[in-house]
Amino acid sequence: MDPSRITRVDGAVFADTLFLIGQAWLKRDAGDVDGAAADLAAAMKLVPLEAVEAILFMIEAGELPEPAPGAAMDAWLEQCRQAGAGEFRLTLGHRPAPERQAETTAEFLARLARIRAEADAAQGIAPAPPPAPAKPMSLADELRAMGLM
């Protein structure tokens, strides 16, 4: 069975989503970050988070008109009208990432050390010497160190 899924968004819902994203865009530009966040949260109740992110990326890339005060807003509102009329549609495809095998803590630390060594080498930093192995202590020595003996 193919785990991918397709989500089609109803025109009226898509139009409402676009309108809310447009409001959020305008509020953010006006400095009302809390109001923008509230509008984006409302949009995310209508469509999946990925859809909201995709629309924002499309605005930033110039694929959708940028909501802006004045005459520039007409193009955005026309986009909302087209969505409501079914002339502009949103279809999302989702394919889950393949499952990864969980790595052990030792494997993670080894991978982290390699990443750090590569980053240090790229910056010309000499590798740090490995830490000296800890001297094993007896239980009596540990209790003395804690002041219990």
Protein backbone atom coordinates (compact mmCIF):
# COMPACT_ATOMS: atom_id res chain seq x y z
CA MET A 1 0.00 0.00 0.00
CA ASP A 2 1.32 3.45 -0.95
CA PRO A 3 1.45 5.63 2.20
CA SER A 4 1.32 8.90 0.22
CA ARG A 5 -1.85 10.93 0.37
CA ILE A 6 -3.44 13.71 -1.64
CA THR A 7 -5.42 16.46 0.07
CA ARG A 8 -7.78 18.60 -1.98
CA VAL A 9 -8.98 21.81 -0.37
CA ASP A 10 -12.52 23.09 -0.98
CA GLY A 11 -12.67 26.42 -2.85
CA ALA A 12 -14.47 28.33 -0.09
CA VAL A 13 -12.06 27.01 2.53
CA PHE A 14 -9.10 27.88 0.30
CA ALA A 15 -10.45 31.41 -0.23
CA ASP A 16 -10.85 31.90 3.53
CA THR A 17 -7.34 30.56 4.07
CA LEU A 18 -5.87 32.96 1.51
CA PHE A 19 -7.77 35.86 3.08
CA LEU A 20 -6.43 35.01 6.55
CA ILE A 21 -2.88 34.66 5.23
CA GLY A 22 -3.23 38.02 3.50
CA GLN A 23 -4.41 39.61 6.75
CA ALA A 24 -1.48 38.02 8.60
CA TRP A 25 0.94 39.34 5.97
CA LEU A 26 -0.42 42.89 6.34
CA LYS A 27 -0.45 42.76 10.14
CA ARG A 28 3.13 41.48 10.25
CA ASP A 29 4.26 44.29 7.95
CA ALA A 30 2.45 46.78 10.21
CA GLY A 31 4.28 45.39 13.28
CA ASP A 32 1.32 43.49 14.76
CA VAL A 33 3.13 40.17 15.21
CA ASP A 34 0.54 38.80 17.66
CA GLY A 35 -2.32 39.59 15.30
CA ALA A 36 -0.43 38.00 12.41
CA ALA A 37 0.21 34.88 14.47
CA ALA A 38 -3.48 34.65 15.37
CA ASP A 39 -4.51 34.90 11.70
CA LEU A 40 -1.98 32.25 10.68
CA ALA A 41 -3.20 29.99 13.48
CA ALA A 42 -6.77 30.43 12.20
CA ALA A 43 -5.61 29.56 8.67
CA MET A 44 -3.90 26.42 10.00
CA LYS A 45 -7.24 25.31 11.45
CA LEU A 46 -8.67 25.33 7.93
CA VAL A 47 -5.85 23.64 6.04
CA PRO A 48 -2.73 21.67 7.04
CA LEU A 49 0.35 23.57 8.19
CA GLU A 50 2.15 22.52 5.00
CA ALA A 51 -0.45 24.35 2.91
CA VAL A 52 0.00 27.59 4.85
CA GLU A 53 3.78 27.29 4.53
CA ALA A 54 3.48 26.58 0.80
CA ILE A 55 1.31 29.67 0.27
CA LEU A 56 3.74 31.86 2.22
CA PHE A 57 6.64 30.50 0.14
CA MET A 58 4.67 31.18 -3.04
CA ILE A 59 4.14 34.80 -1.99
CA GLU A 60 7.83 35.22 -1.15
CA ALA A 61 8.83 33.65 -4.48
CA GLY A 62 6.52 35.99 -6.39
CA GLU A 63 4.29 33.15 -7.61
CA LEU A 64 1.33 34.76 -5.83
CA PRO A 65 0.74 38.51 -5.52
CA GLU A 66 2.01 40.03 -2.31
CA PRO A 67 -0.75 41.32 -0.05
CA ALA A 68 -0.06 45.02 0.42
CA PRO A 69 -2.15 48.07 1.31
CA GLY A 70 -3.77 50.06 -1.47
CA ALA A 71 -4.05 49.00 -5.10
CA ALA A 72 -1.67 46.05 -4.60
CA MET A 73 -4.34 44.46 -2.40
CA ASP A 74 -6.67 44.16 -5.40
CA ALA A 75 -4.47 41.42 -6.91
CA TRP A 76 -4.52 39.48 -3.64
CA LEU A 77 -8.28 39.81 -3.25
CA GLU A 78 -8.70 38.66 -6.86
CA GLN A 79 -6.65 35.58 -5.97
CA CYS A 80 -9.03 34.96 -3.04
CA ARG A 81 -12.04 35.37 -5.36
CA GLN A 82 -10.55 32.91 -7.86
CA ALA A 83 -10.02 30.39 -5.07
CA GLY A 84 -13.62 30.73 -3.92
CA ALA A 85 -14.89 30.33 -7.49
CA GLY A 86 -12.79 27.20 -8.02
CA GLU A 87 -10.59 28.89 -10.65
CA PHE A 88 -7.53 28.61 -8.41
CA ARG A 89 -7.15 25.32 -6.57
CA LEU A 90 -4.95 23.86 -3.91
CA THR A 91 -3.94 20.20 -3.98
CA LEU A 92 -1.36 18.93 -1.53
CA GLY A 93 0.66 15.79 -1.93
CA HIS A 94 2.27 14.16 1.07
CA ARG A 95 4.70 11.28 1.05
CA PRO A 96 6.05 10.31 4.45
CA ALA A 97 9.80 10.11 4.87
CA PRO A 98 11.23 6.62 4.99
CA GLU A 99 11.67 5.26 8.47
CA ARG A 100 15.17 5.58 9.84
CA GLN A 101 16.78 3.09 12.09
CA ALA A 102 17.35 4.57 15.49
CA GLU A 103 21.01 5.09 16.21
CA THR A 104 22.52 4.25 19.54
CA THR A 105 23.97 6.93 21.78
CA ALA A 106 27.48 5.76 20.90
CA GLU A 107 26.73 5.99 17.16
CA PHE A 108 25.26 9.47 17.61
CA LEU A 109 28.29 10.66 19.59
CA ALA A 110 30.65 9.20 16.97
CA ARG A 111 28.72 10.95 14.18
CA LEU A 112 28.74 14.19 16.16
CA ALA A 113 32.52 13.90 16.67
CA ARG A 114 33.01 13.40 12.91
CA ILE A 115 30.87 16.45 12.13
CA ARG A 116 32.82 18.53 14.65
CA ALA A 117 36.18 17.32 13.29
CA GLU A 118 35.12 18.15 9.72
CA ALA A 119 33.95 21.62 10.77
CA ASP A 120 37.17 22.26 12.68
CA ALA A 121 39.25 21.05 9.73
CA ALA A 122 37.33 23.35 7.37
CA GLN A 123 38.16 26.30 9.64
CA GLY A 124 41.80 25.24 10.04
CA ILE A 125 41.45 24.41 13.72
CA ALA A 126 43.72 21.65 14.97
CA PRO A 127 41.85 18.70 16.46
CA ALA A 128 41.68 18.66 20.24
CA PRO A 129 43.54 15.82 21.93
CA PRO A 130 41.28 13.06 23.21
CA PRO A 131 40.45 13.37 26.91
CA ALA A 132 42.54 11.32 29.30
CA PRO A 133 40.75 8.24 30.55
CA ALA A 134 39.30 8.66 34.01
CA LYS A 135 41.14 6.87 36.76
CA PRO A 136 38.88 4.17 38.21
CA MET A 137 37.99 4.79 41.82
CA SER A 138 37.05 2.26 44.41
CA LEU A 139 33.82 2.63 46.31
CA ALA A 140 35.79 3.53 49.43
CA ASP A 141 37.63 6.30 47.53
CA GLU A 142 34.33 7.70 46.24
CA LEU A 143 32.82 7.69 49.75
CA ARG A 144 35.93 9.46 51.10
CA ALA A 145 35.70 12.04 48.31
CA MET A 146 32.09 12.72 49.29
CA GLY A 147 33.11 13.07 52.96
CA LEU A 148 31.09 10.07 54.08
CA MET A 149 34.10 8.15 55.44
